[in-house]
PDB file of N, CA and C in Angstrom:
ATOM      1  N   MET A   1    -134.590 235.496 -45.471  1.00  0.00           N
ATOM      2  CA  MET A   1    -134.227 236.521 -45.134  1.00  0.00           C
ATOM      3  C   MET A   1    -134.095 238.391 -46.229  1.00  0.00           C
ATOM      4  N   ASP A   2    -134.625 238.833 -45.838  1.00  0.00           N
ATOM      5  CA  ASP A   2    -133.981 240.030 -46.945  1.00  0.00           C
ATOM      6  C   ASP A   2    -132.711 240.580 -47.224  1.00  0.00           C
ATOM      7  N   GLU A   3    -131.862 241.757 -48.435  1.00  0.00           N
ATOM      8  CA  GLU A   3    -130.702 241.773 -48.328  1.00  0.00           C
ATOM      9  C   GLU A   3    -130.751 242.811 -47.251  1.00  0.00           C
ATOM     10  N   ASN A   4    -132.189 243.956 -46.836  1.00  0.00           N
ATOM     11  CA  ASN A   4    -131.021 244.703 -45.437  1.00  0.00           C
ATOM     12  C   ASN A   4    -131.828 244.857 -44.606  1.00  0.00           C
ATOM     13  N   LEU A   5    -132.468 242.836 -44.166  1.00  0.00           N
ATOM     14  CA  LEU A   5    -132.378 242.742 -42.469  1.00  0.00           C
ATOM     15  C   LEU A   5    -130.637 242.108 -42.709  1.00  0.00           C
ATOM     16  N   GLN A   6    -130.614 241.166 -44.209  1.00  0.00           N
ATOM     17  CA  GLN A   6    -128.923 240.965 -43.747  1.00  0.00           C
ATOM     18  C   GLN A   6    -127.733 242.116 -43.466  1.00  0.00           C
ATOM     19  N   ASP A   7    -127.877 242.767 -43.772  1.00  0.00           N
ATOM     20  CA  ASP A   7    -126.714 243.681 -44.199  1.00  0.00           C
ATOM     21  C   ASP A   7    -127.083 244.020 -42.379  1.00  0.00           C
ATOM     22  N   GLU A   8    -127.965 244.692 -42.049  1.00  0.00           N
ATOM     23  CA  GLU A   8    -128.620 244.850 -40.380  1.00  0.00           C
ATOM     24  C   GLU A   8    -127.146 243.590 -39.857  1.00  0.00           C
ATOM     25  N   LYS A   9    -128.117 242.485 -39.736  1.00  0.00           N
ATOM     26  CA  LYS A   9    -126.847 241.347 -39.048  1.00  0.00           C
ATOM     27  C   LYS A   9    -125.459 241.597 -39.576  1.00  0.00           C
ATOM     28  N   ILE A  10    -125.525 241.583 -39.948  1.00  0.00           N
ATOM     29  CA  ILE A  10    -123.424 242.041 -40.111  1.00  0.00           C
ATOM     30  C   ILE A  10    -122.887 243.369 -39.832  1.00  0.00           C
ATOM     31  N   GLY A  11    -123.545 244.234 -40.180  1.00  0.00           N
ATOM     32  CA  GLY A  11    -123.891 245.271 -39.328  1.00  0.00           C
ATOM     33  C   GLY A  11    -123.629 245.064 -37.547  1.00  0.00           C
ATOM     34  N   ARG A  12    -124.785 244.524 -36.962  1.00  0.00           N
ATOM     35  CA  ARG A  12    -124.753 244.268 -35.705  1.00  0.00           C
ATOM     36  C   ARG A  12    -123.657 243.958 -35.481  1.00  0.00           C
ATOM     37  N   ILE A  13    -122.815 242.301 -36.003  1.00  0.00           N
ATOM     38  CA  ILE A  13    -122.065 241.438 -35.737  1.00  0.00           C
ATOM     39  C   ILE A  13    -120.972 241.887 -35.241  1.00  0.00           C
ATOM     40  N   GLU A  14    -120.359 243.390 -36.280  1.00  0.00           N
ATOM     41  CA  GLU A  14    -119.260 243.466 -36.475  1.00  0.00           C
ATOM     42  C   GLU A  14    -119.939 244.364 -35.182  1.00  0.00           C
ATOM     43  N   GLU A  15    -120.393 245.180 -35.510  1.00  0.00           N
ATOM     44  CA  GLU A  15    -120.208 246.528 -34.556  1.00  0.00           C
ATOM     45  C   GLU A  15    -119.701 245.960 -32.792  1.00  0.00           C
ATOM     46  N   PHE A  16    -120.777 244.892 -32.310  1.00  0.00           N
ATOM     47  CA  PHE A  16    -120.749 243.843 -30.957  1.00  0.00           C
ATOM     48  C   PHE A  16    -118.918 243.635 -30.631  1.00  0.00           C
ATOM     49  N   PHE A  17    -118.400 242.602 -31.956  1.00  0.00           N
ATOM     50  CA  PHE A  17    -117.649 242.265 -32.013  1.00  0.00           C
ATOM     51  C   PHE A  17    -115.985 243.869 -32.401  1.00  0.00           C
ATOM     52  N   ARG A  18    -116.961 244.464 -32.084  1.00  0.00           N
ATOM     53  CA  ARG A  18    -115.534 246.255 -32.587  1.00  0.00           C
ATOM     54  C   ARG A  18    -113.315 245.913 -31.451  1.00  0.00           C
ATOM     55  N   VAL A  19    -112.936 245.475 -31.987  1.00  0.00           N
ATOM     56  CA  VAL A  19    -112.230 245.849 -30.725  1.00  0.00           C
ATOM     57  C   VAL A  19    -111.787 247.681 -30.663  1.00  0.00           C
ATOM     58  N   PRO A  20    -110.690 248.016 -29.680  1.00  0.00           N
ATOM     59  CA  PRO A  20    -110.537 249.448 -29.757  1.00  0.00           C
ATOM     60  C   PRO A  20    -110.075 249.860 -30.635  1.00  0.00           C
ATOM     61  N   GLU A  21    -110.410 250.980 -30.823  1.00  0.00           N
ATOM     62  CA  GLU A  21    -109.362 252.243 -31.703  1.00  0.00           C
ATOM     63  C   GLU A  21    -107.560 252.278 -31.043  1.00  0.00           C
ATOM     64  N   ARG A  22    -107.646 251.972 -30.845  1.00  0.00           N
ATOM     65  CA  ARG A  22    -105.578 251.257 -30.343  1.00  0.00           C
ATOM     66  C   ARG A  22    -105.522 249.997 -31.011  1.00  0.00           C
ATOM     67  N   VAL A  23    -106.201 249.356 -31.483  1.00  0.00           N
ATOM     68  CA  VAL A  23    -105.535 248.215 -31.460  1.00  0.00           C
ATOM     69  C   VAL A  23    -105.676 247.699 -33.110  1.00  0.00           C
ATOM     70  N   ALA A  24    -106.078 248.473 -33.350  1.00  0.00           N
ATOM     71  CA  ALA A  24    -107.965 248.273 -35.031  1.00  0.00           C
ATOM     72  C   ALA A  24    -106.703 248.464 -36.043  1.00  0.00           C
ATOM     73  N   GLY A  25    -105.458 247.829 -36.423  1.00  0.00           N
ATOM     74  CA  GLY A  25    -104.381 247.674 -36.772  1.00  0.00           C
ATOM     75  C   GLY A  25    -103.755 246.066 -36.630  1.00  0.00           C
ATOM     76  N   GLU A  26    -104.459 246.001 -35.730  1.00  0.00           N
ATOM     77  CA  GLU A  26    -103.651 244.694 -35.956  1.00  0.00           C
ATOM     78  C   GLU A  26    -104.645 243.448 -35.479  1.00  0.00           C
ATOM     79  N   ILE A  27    -105.791 244.227 -35.623  1.00  0.00           N
ATOM     80  CA  ILE A  27    -107.534 242.829 -35.172  1.00  0.00           C
ATOM     81  C   ILE A  27    -108.322 243.325 -35.602  1.00  0.00           C
ATOM     82  N   LYS A  28    -109.224 243.395 -36.997  1.00  0.00           N
ATOM     83  CA  LYS A  28    -110.405 243.263 -36.534  1.00  0.00           C
ATOM     84  C   LYS A  28    -111.008 242.247 -36.751  1.00  0.00           C
ATOM     85  N   ASN A  29    -112.663 242.419 -35.855  1.00  0.00           N
ATOM     86  CA  ASN A  29    -113.305 240.682 -35.970  1.00  0.00           C
ATOM     87  C   ASN A  29    -114.658 241.512 -38.043  1.00  0.00           C
ATOM     88  N   VAL A  30    -114.817 240.565 -38.475  1.00  0.00           N
ATOM     89  CA  VAL A  30    -115.565 240.557 -38.977  1.00  0.00           C
ATOM     90  C   VAL A  30    -117.102 239.400 -39.615  1.00  0.00           C
ATOM     91  N   ALA A  31    -118.311 239.747 -39.992  1.00  0.00           N
ATOM     92  CA  ALA A  31    -118.965 239.539 -40.666  1.00  0.00           C
ATOM     93  C   ALA A  31    -118.634 238.597 -42.313  1.00  0.00           C
ATOM     94  N   ARG A  32    -119.637 237.420 -42.909  1.00  0.00           N
ATOM     95  CA  ARG A  32    -119.816 237.724 -44.052  1.00  0.00           C
ATOM     96  C   ARG A  32    -121.319 236.336 -43.952  1.00  0.00           C
ATOM     97  N   LYS A  33    -121.650 236.696 -45.038  1.00  0.00           N
ATOM     98  CA  LYS A  33    -123.148 235.908 -45.078  1.00  0.00           C
ATOM     99  C   LYS A  33    -122.676 234.630 -45.635  1.00  0.00           C
ATOM    100  N   VAL A  34    -123.280 233.714 -44.909  1.00  0.00           N
ATOM    101  CA  VAL A  34    -123.488 232.097 -45.225  1.00  0.00           C
ATOM    102  C   VAL A  34    -124.830 231.595 -45.341  1.00  0.00           C
ATOM    103  N   ARG A  35    -124.613 230.690 -45.999  1.00  0.00           N
ATOM    104  CA  ARG A  35    -126.414 230.016 -46.680  1.00  0.00           C
ATOM    105  C   ARG A  35    -126.497 229.944 -44.829  1.00  0.00           C
ATOM    106  N   GLY A  36    -127.805 230.049 -44.649  1.00  0.00           N
ATOM    107  CA  GLY A  36    -128.572 230.197 -43.816  1.00  0.00           C
ATOM    108  C   GLY A  36    -128.148 231.182 -42.829  1.00  0.00           C
ATOM    109  N   GLY A  37    -127.018 232.014 -43.037  1.00  0.00           N
ATOM    110  CA  GLY A  37    -126.533 233.058 -41.127  1.00  0.00           C
ATOM    111  C   GLY A  37    -124.955 233.450 -41.604  1.00  0.00           C
ATOM    112  N   TYR A  38    -124.281 233.265 -40.615  1.00  0.00           N
ATOM    113  CA  TYR A  38    -123.671 234.656 -41.019  1.00  0.00           C
ATOM    114  C   TYR A  38    -121.542 233.885 -39.663  1.00  0.00           C
ATOM    115  N   VAL A  39    -121.054 234.496 -40.681  1.00  0.00           N
ATOM    116  CA  VAL A  39    -119.692 233.305 -39.553  1.00  0.00           C
ATOM    117  C   VAL A  39    -118.764 234.406 -38.635  1.00  0.00           C
ATOM    118  N   LEU A  40    -118.679 234.740 -38.070  1.00  0.00           N
ATOM    119  CA  LEU A  40    -117.936 235.855 -37.604  1.00  0.00           C
ATOM    120  C   LEU A  40    -116.423 235.161 -38.373  1.00  0.00           C
ATOM    121  N   ILE A  41    -115.308 236.037 -38.163  1.00  0.00           N
ATOM    122  CA  ILE A  41    -114.177 235.657 -38.490  1.00  0.00           C
ATOM    123  C   ILE A  41    -113.599 237.039 -37.404  1.00  0.00           C
ATOM    124  N   GLU A  42    -112.646 236.619 -37.144  1.00  0.00           N
ATOM    125  CA  GLU A  42    -110.915 237.176 -36.477  1.00  0.00           C
ATOM    126  C   GLU A  42    -109.770 237.672 -38.072  1.00  0.00           C
ATOM    127  N   THR A  43    -109.732 238.581 -37.915  1.00  0.00           N
ATOM    128  CA  THR A  43    -108.779 238.883 -38.994  1.00  0.00           C
ATOM    129  C   THR A  43    -107.392 239.580 -38.680  1.00  0.00           C
ATOM    130  N   ARG A  44    -106.553 238.938 -38.730  1.00  0.00           N
ATOM    131  CA  ARG A  44    -104.999 239.954 -38.734  1.00  0.00           C
ATOM    132  C   ARG A  44    -103.789 240.086 -39.707  1.00  0.00           C
ATOM    133  N   PRO A  45    -102.815 241.204 -39.187  1.00  0.00           N
ATOM    134  CA  PRO A  45    -101.829 241.285 -40.380  1.00  0.00           C
ATOM    135  C   PRO A  45    -100.633 239.699 -40.694  1.00  0.00           C
ATOM    136  N   ARG A  46    -100.620 239.760 -42.080  1.00  0.00           N
ATOM    137  CA  ARG A  46     -99.382 238.252 -41.453  1.00  0.00           C
ATOM    138  C   ARG A  46     -98.349 238.282 -40.903  1.00  0.00           C
ATOM    139  N   TRP A  47     -98.696 236.964 -40.105  1.00  0.00           N
ATOM    140  CA  TRP A  47     -97.036 235.936 -39.354  1.00  0.00           C
ATOM    141  C   TRP A  47     -96.025 236.810 -39.449  1.00  0.00           C
ATOM    142  N   ASP A  48     -95.688 236.560 -41.162  1.00  0.00           N
ATOM    143  CA  ASP A  48     -93.914 237.092 -41.612  1.00  0.00           C
ATOM    144  C   ASP A  48     -94.320 238.732 -41.459  1.00  0.00           C
ATOM    145  N   GLY A  49     -94.721 239.601 -42.074  1.00  0.00           N
ATOM    146  CA  GLY A  49     -94.824 240.531 -41.549  1.00  0.00           C
ATOM    147  C   GLY A  49     -94.664 241.722 -42.961  1.00  0.00           C
ATOM    148  N   LYS A  50     -94.860 239.770 -43.609  1.00  0.00           N
ATOM    149  CA  LYS A  50     -95.319 240.753 -45.017  1.00  0.00           C
ATOM    150  C   LYS A  50     -96.426 241.487 -46.136  1.00  0.00           C
ATOM    151  N   GLN A  51     -96.246 241.918 -46.828  1.00  0.00           N
ATOM    152  CA  GLN A  51     -97.752 243.216 -47.580  1.00  0.00           C
ATOM    153  C   GLN A  51     -98.482 241.347 -48.189  1.00  0.00           C
ATOM    154  N   GLY A  52     -99.642 241.730 -47.935  1.00  0.00           N
ATOM    155  CA  GLY A  52    -100.540 240.890 -48.675  1.00  0.00           C
ATOM    156  C   GLY A  52    -101.635 240.780 -47.613  1.00  0.00           C
ATOM    157  N   SER A  53    -102.432 239.569 -48.400  1.00  0.00           N
ATOM    158  CA  SER A  53    -104.171 239.965 -47.384  1.00  0.00           C
ATOM    159  C   SER A  53    -104.150 240.059 -44.980  1.00  0.00           C
ATOM    160  N   TRP A  54    -104.781 239.638 -45.216  1.00  0.00           N
ATOM    161  CA  TRP A  54    -104.759 239.532 -43.347  1.00  0.00           C
ATOM    162  C   TRP A  54    -104.715 238.712 -42.801  1.00  0.00           C
ATOM    163  N   THR A  55    -104.500 237.562 -42.206  1.00  0.00           N
ATOM    164  CA  THR A  55    -104.684 236.330 -42.206  1.00  0.00           C
ATOM    165  C   THR A  55    -106.510 236.121 -41.174  1.00  0.00           C
ATOM    166  N   GLU A  56    -106.955 234.933 -41.877  1.00  0.00           N
ATOM    167  CA  GLU A  56    -108.745 235.069 -41.395  1.00  0.00           C
ATOM    168  C   GLU A  56    -108.725 234.054 -40.678  1.00  0.00           C
ATOM    169  N   CYS A  57    -108.934 233.277 -39.864  1.00  0.00           N
ATOM    170  CA  CYS A  57    -110.067 233.087 -38.215  1.00  0.00           C
ATOM    171  C   CYS A  57    -111.433 232.621 -38.072  1.00  0.00           C
ATOM    172  N   PRO A  58    -111.402 231.460 -38.630  1.00  0.00           N
ATOM    173  CA  PRO A  58    -112.963 231.555 -38.117  1.00  0.00           C
ATOM    174  C   PRO A  58    -113.541 231.881 -37.171  1.00  0.00           C
ATOM    175  N   VAL A  59    -114.600 232.190 -36.691  1.00  0.00           N
ATOM    176  CA  VAL A  59    -114.363 232.059 -34.499  1.00  0.00           C
ATOM    177  C   VAL A  59    -115.788 231.698 -34.874  1.00  0.00           C
ATOM    178  N   ALA A  60    -116.632 232.225 -35.432  1.00  0.00           N
ATOM    179  CA  ALA A  60    -117.785 231.134 -34.831  1.00  0.00           C
ATOM    180  C   ALA A  60    -118.923 230.560 -35.993  1.00  0.00           C
ATOM    181  N   LYS A  61    -120.110 230.693 -36.222  1.00  0.00           N
ATOM    182  CA  LYS A  61    -120.744 230.337 -37.289  1.00  0.00           C
ATOM    183  C   LYS A  61    -122.155 230.084 -36.492  1.00  0.00           C
ATOM    184  N   ILE A  62    -123.871 231.273 -37.322  1.00  0.00           N
ATOM    185  CA  ILE A  62    -124.954 231.919 -36.621  1.00  0.00           C
ATOM    186  C   ILE A  62    -126.057 231.326 -38.357  1.00  0.00           C
ATOM    187  N   ILE A  63    -126.529 230.328 -37.255  1.00  0.00           N
ATOM    188  CA  ILE A  63    -126.787 229.919 -38.577  1.00  0.00           C
ATOM    189  C   ILE A  63    -128.577 230.116 -37.943  1.00  0.00           C
ATOM    190  N   PHE A  64    -130.338 231.015 -38.559  1.00  0.00           N
ATOM    191  CA  PHE A  64    -131.065 230.298 -38.107  1.00  0.00           C
ATOM    192  C   PHE A  64    -131.992 228.688 -38.871  1.00  0.00           C
ATOM    193  N   HIS A  65    -132.179 228.752 -38.127  1.00  0.00           N
ATOM    194  CA  HIS A  65    -132.631 226.750 -37.840  1.00  0.00           C
ATOM    195  C   HIS A  65    -134.259 227.292 -37.990  1.00  0.00           C
ATOM    196  N   ASN A  66    -135.389 227.327 -39.156  1.00  0.00           N
ATOM    197  CA  ASN A  66    -136.878 227.728 -39.212  1.00  0.00           C
ATOM    198  C   ASN A  66    -137.673 226.970 -38.919  1.00  0.00           C
ATOM    199  N   PRO A  67    -137.694 225.413 -38.584  1.00  0.00           N
ATOM    200  CA  PRO A  67    -138.104 224.629 -37.464  1.00  0.00           C
ATOM    201  C   PRO A  67    -138.365 224.718 -36.410  1.00  0.00           C
ATOM    202  N   SER A  68    -137.270 224.941 -35.553  1.00  0.00           N
ATOM    203  CA  SER A  68    -137.532 225.609 -33.877  1.00  0.00           C
ATOM    204  C   SER A  68    -137.009 227.192 -34.272  1.00  0.00           C
ATOM    205  N   ARG A  69    -137.062 227.603 -35.681  1.00  0.00           N
ATOM    206  CA  ARG A  69    -137.063 229.735 -34.919  1.00  0.00           C
ATOM    207  C   ARG A  69    -135.586 230.041 -33.526  1.00  0.00           C
ATOM    208  N   LYS A  70    -135.018 229.697 -33.667  1.00  0.00           N
ATOM    209  CA  LYS A  70    -134.312 230.025 -33.429  1.00  0.00           C
ATOM    210  C   LYS A  70    -132.617 229.650 -33.573  1.00  0.00           C
ATOM    211  N   TRP A  71    -131.730 230.169 -33.499  1.00  0.00           N
ATOM    212  CA  TRP A  71    -129.971 230.145 -33.969  1.00  0.00           C
ATOM    213  C   TRP A  71    -128.933 229.502 -33.056  1.00  0.00           C
ATOM    214  N   ARG A  72    -128.602 228.685 -34.046  1.00  0.00           N
ATOM    215  CA  ARG A  72    -127.901 227.749 -33.774  1.00  0.00           C
ATOM    216  C   ARG A  72    -126.068 228.557 -33.957  1.00  0.00           C
ATOM    217  N   LEU A  73    -125.738 228.481 -32.986  1.00  0.00           N
ATOM    218  CA  LEU A  73    -124.217 228.493 -32.699  1.00  0.00           C
ATOM    219  C   LEU A  73    -123.576 227.654 -33.412  1.00  0.00           C
ATOM    220  N   TYR A  74    -122.273 227.445 -33.686  1.00  0.00           N
ATOM    221  CA  TYR A  74    -121.600 226.431 -33.847  1.00  0.00           C
ATOM    222  C   TYR A  74    -119.747 226.736 -33.777  1.00  0.00           C
ATOM    223  N   TRP A  75    -119.241 226.446 -33.274  1.00  0.00           N
ATOM    224  CA  TRP A  75    -117.491 227.238 -33.016  1.00  0.00           C
ATOM    225  C   TRP A  75    -116.824 226.010 -34.143  1.00  0.00           C
ATOM    226  N   MET A  76    -115.748 226.584 -34.425  1.00  0.00           N
ATOM    227  CA  MET A  76    -114.467 225.801 -35.132  1.00  0.00           C
ATOM    228  C   MET A  76    -113.408 225.398 -34.372  1.00  0.00           C
ATOM    229  N   ARG A  77    -113.322 223.587 -34.526  1.00  0.00           N
ATOM    230  CA  ARG A  77    -113.037 222.686 -34.100  1.00  0.00           C
ATOM    231  C   ARG A  77    -111.216 223.113 -34.576  1.00  0.00           C
ATOM    232  N   ALA A  78    -110.659 222.081 -34.033  1.00  0.00           N
ATOM    233  CA  ALA A  78    -109.258 222.589 -34.659  1.00  0.00           C
ATOM    234  C   ALA A  78    -108.560 221.984 -36.484  1.00  0.00           C
ATOM    235  N   SER A  79    -110.307 221.496 -36.354  1.00  0.00           N
ATOM    236  CA  SER A  79    -110.132 219.982 -37.214  1.00  0.00           C
ATOM    237  C   SER A  79    -110.550 221.729 -38.270  1.00  0.00           C
ATOM    238  N   GLY A  80    -111.199 222.052 -38.839  1.00  0.00           N
ATOM    239  CA  GLY A  80    -111.451 222.640 -39.204  1.00  0.00           C
ATOM    240  C   GLY A  80    -112.574 222.523 -39.601  1.00  0.00           C
ATOM    241  N   LYS A  81    -113.322 221.557 -38.544  1.00  0.00           N
ATOM    242  CA  LYS A  81    -115.033 220.902 -38.763  1.00  0.00           C
ATOM    243  C   LYS A  81    -115.939 222.250 -38.039  1.00  0.00           C
ATOM    244  N   TRP A  82    -117.047 222.716 -37.959  1.00  0.00           N
ATOM    245  CA  TRP A  82    -117.646 223.115 -37.081  1.00  0.00           C
ATOM    246  C   TRP A  82    -118.324 222.263 -36.938  1.00  0.00           C
ATOM    247  N   TRP A  83    -118.471 222.376 -34.788  1.00  0.00           N
ATOM    248  CA  TRP A  83    -118.431 221.481 -34.214  1.00  0.00           C
ATOM    249  C   TRP A  83    -120.514 222.935 -33.824  1.00  0.00           C
ATOM    250  N   PHE A  84    -122.010 222.081 -32.974  1.00  0.00           N
ATOM    251  CA  PHE A  84    -122.956 222.348 -32.637  1.00  0.00           C
ATOM    252  C   PHE A  84    -122.482 222.604 -31.437  1.00  0.00           C
ATOM    253  N   TYR A  85    -122.930 224.024 -30.585  1.00  0.00           N
ATOM    254  CA  TYR A  85    -122.139 224.528 -29.465  1.00  0.00           C
ATOM    255  C   TYR A  85    -124.116 225.233 -28.561  1.00  0.00           C
ATOM    256  N   GLY A  86    -124.627 225.276 -29.587  1.00  0.00           N
ATOM    257  CA  GLY A  86    -125.601 225.476 -28.316  1.00  0.00           C
ATOM    258  C   GLY A  86    -127.162 226.202 -29.278  1.00  0.00           C
ATOM    259  N   GLU A  87    -128.572 226.099 -29.313  1.00  0.00           N
ATOM    260  CA  GLU A  87    -128.791 226.875 -29.858  1.00  0.00           C
ATOM    261  C   GLU A  87    -130.474 228.636 -28.859  1.00  0.00           C
ATOM    262  N   TYR A  88    -130.163 229.360 -29.050  1.00  0.00           N
ATOM    263  CA  TYR A  88    -131.146 230.470 -28.927  1.00  0.00           C
ATOM    264  C   TYR A  88    -132.511 231.157 -30.019  1.00  0.00           C
ATOM    265  N   LYS A  89    -132.977 231.208 -28.658  1.00  0.00           N
ATOM    266  CA  LYS A  89    -134.502 231.783 -29.082  1.00  0.00           C
ATOM    267  C   LYS A  89    -133.555 233.389 -30.152  1.00  0.00           C
ATOM    268  N   THR A  90    -132.755 234.291 -29.392  1.00  0.00           N
ATOM    269  CA  THR A  90    -133.117 235.515 -30.213  1.00  0.00           C
ATOM    270  C   THR A  90    -131.085 236.009 -30.900  1.00  0.00           C
ATOM    271  N   PHE A  91    -131.440 236.485 -31.330  1.00  0.00           N
ATOM    272  CA  PHE A  91    -129.536 236.691 -32.574  1.00  0.00           C
ATOM    273  C   PHE A  91    -128.575 237.322 -31.121  1.00  0.00           C
ATOM    274  N   GLY A  92    -129.338 238.268 -30.580  1.00  0.00           N
ATOM    275  CA  GLY A  92    -128.633 239.039 -29.089  1.00  0.00           C
ATOM    276  C   GLY A  92    -128.300 238.251 -28.656  1.00  0.00           C
ATOM    277  N   LYS A  93    -129.223 237.047 -27.462  1.00  0.00           N
ATOM    278  CA  LYS A  93    -128.341 236.301 -26.862  1.00  0.00           C
ATOM    279  C   LYS A  93    -127.683 235.833 -27.867  1.00  0.00           C
ATOM    280  N   THR A  94    -127.610 235.228 -28.646  1.00  0.00           N
ATOM    281  CA  THR A  94    -126.712 234.470 -29.423  1.00  0.00           C
ATOM    282  C   THR A  94    -124.423 234.852 -29.127  1.00  0.00           C
ATOM    283  N   LEU A  95    -125.123 236.456 -30.141  1.00  0.00           N
ATOM    284  CA  LEU A  95    -124.095 237.111 -29.623  1.00  0.00           C
ATOM    285  C   LEU A  95    -123.173 236.877 -28.692  1.00  0.00           C
ATOM    286  N   GLU A  96    -123.797 237.396 -27.092  1.00  0.00           N
ATOM    287  CA  GLU A  96    -124.010 237.073 -26.044  1.00  0.00           C
ATOM    288  C   GLU A  96    -123.058 236.484 -25.450  1.00  0.00           C
ATOM    289  N   ILE A  97    -123.455 234.894 -25.892  1.00  0.00           N
ATOM    290  CA  ILE A  97    -122.986 234.083 -25.829  1.00  0.00           C
ATOM    291  C   ILE A  97    -121.718 233.698 -26.212  1.00  0.00           C
ATOM    292  N   ILE A  98    -121.612 234.226 -28.102  1.00  0.00           N
ATOM    293  CA  ILE A  98    -119.416 234.252 -27.915  1.00  0.00           C
ATOM    294  C   ILE A  98    -118.407 234.910 -27.132  1.00  0.00           C
ATOM    295  N   LYS A  99    -119.140 236.059 -27.568  1.00  0.00           N
ATOM    296  CA  LYS A  99    -118.654 237.367 -26.509  1.00  0.00           C
ATOM    297  C   LYS A  99    -118.520 236.681 -24.365  1.00  0.00           C
ATOM    298  N   GLU A 100    -118.909 236.101 -24.325  1.00  0.00           N
ATOM    299  CA  GLU A 100    -118.837 235.468 -23.186  1.00  0.00           C
ATOM    300  C   GLU A 100    -117.418 234.641 -23.220  1.00  0.00           C
ATOM    301  N   ASP A 101    -118.078 233.407 -23.780  1.00  0.00           N
ATOM    302  CA  ASP A 101    -116.959 232.772 -24.655  1.00  0.00           C
ATOM    303  C   ASP A 101    -116.835 231.812 -23.355  1.00  0.00           C
ATOM    304  N   SER A 102    -118.077 230.918 -22.433  1.00  0.00           N
ATOM    305  CA  SER A 102    -117.597 230.494 -21.239  1.00  0.00           C
ATOM    306  C   SER A 102    -116.459 229.028 -21.403  1.00  0.00           C
ATOM    307  N   ARG A 103    -117.184 227.910 -21.993  1.00  0.00           N
ATOM    308  CA  ARG A 103    -116.353 227.500 -22.130  1.00  0.00           C
ATOM    309  C   ARG A 103    -114.693 226.712 -23.303  1.00  0.00           C
ATOM    310  N   GLY A 104    -114.865 228.281 -23.189  1.00  0.00           N
ATOM    311  CA  GLY A 104    -113.016 228.935 -24.084  1.00  0.00           C
ATOM    312  C   GLY A 104    -113.023 228.476 -25.823  1.00  0.00           C
ATOM    313  N   CYS A 105    -114.361 228.077 -26.447  1.00  0.00           N
ATOM    314  CA  CYS A 105    -114.446 227.520 -27.495  1.00  0.00           C
ATOM    315  C   CYS A 105    -113.786 228.763 -28.936  1.00  0.00           C
ATOM    316  N   PHE A 106    -114.732 229.712 -28.686  1.00  0.00           N
ATOM    317  CA  PHE A 106    -114.806 230.795 -29.001  1.00  0.00           C
ATOM    318  C   PHE A 106    -113.457 232.090 -30.053  1.00  0.00           C
ATOM    319  N   TRP A 107    -112.859 231.643 -28.763  1.00  0.00           N
ATOM    320  CA  TRP A 107    -111.557 232.341 -28.056  1.00  0.00           C
ATOM    321  C   TRP A 107    -111.069 232.112 -27.733  1.00  0.00           C
ATOM    322  N   GLY A 108    -110.359 230.954 -27.919  1.00  0.00           N
ATOM    323  CA  GLY A 108    -109.497 230.328 -26.430  1.00  0.00           C
ATOM    324  C   GLY A 108    -109.332 230.819 -25.454  1.00  0.00           C
TER     325      GLY A 108
END
């Protein structure tokens, strides 16, 4: 995947999961490139009110599986390990599945 396509995918994830402006100072969803795909991360200010970096909570990992030509979706267990959620034909469908969260795996 070339760098422009990677940047486009990151932008697409962040736009799809953008929070309303009225809460933008309290929560943000960001995407990061990882080997083979992307991780969606929910960020918030520190819980103790001190200045510093925002806390980060991984929400979903999206990996392109070349042999099947599909996007594989993973969710983060309380153990800190990624678990397979499903496989989807399109990147857009994968984002919709995360947002829908019908099993309560991504957003609780």
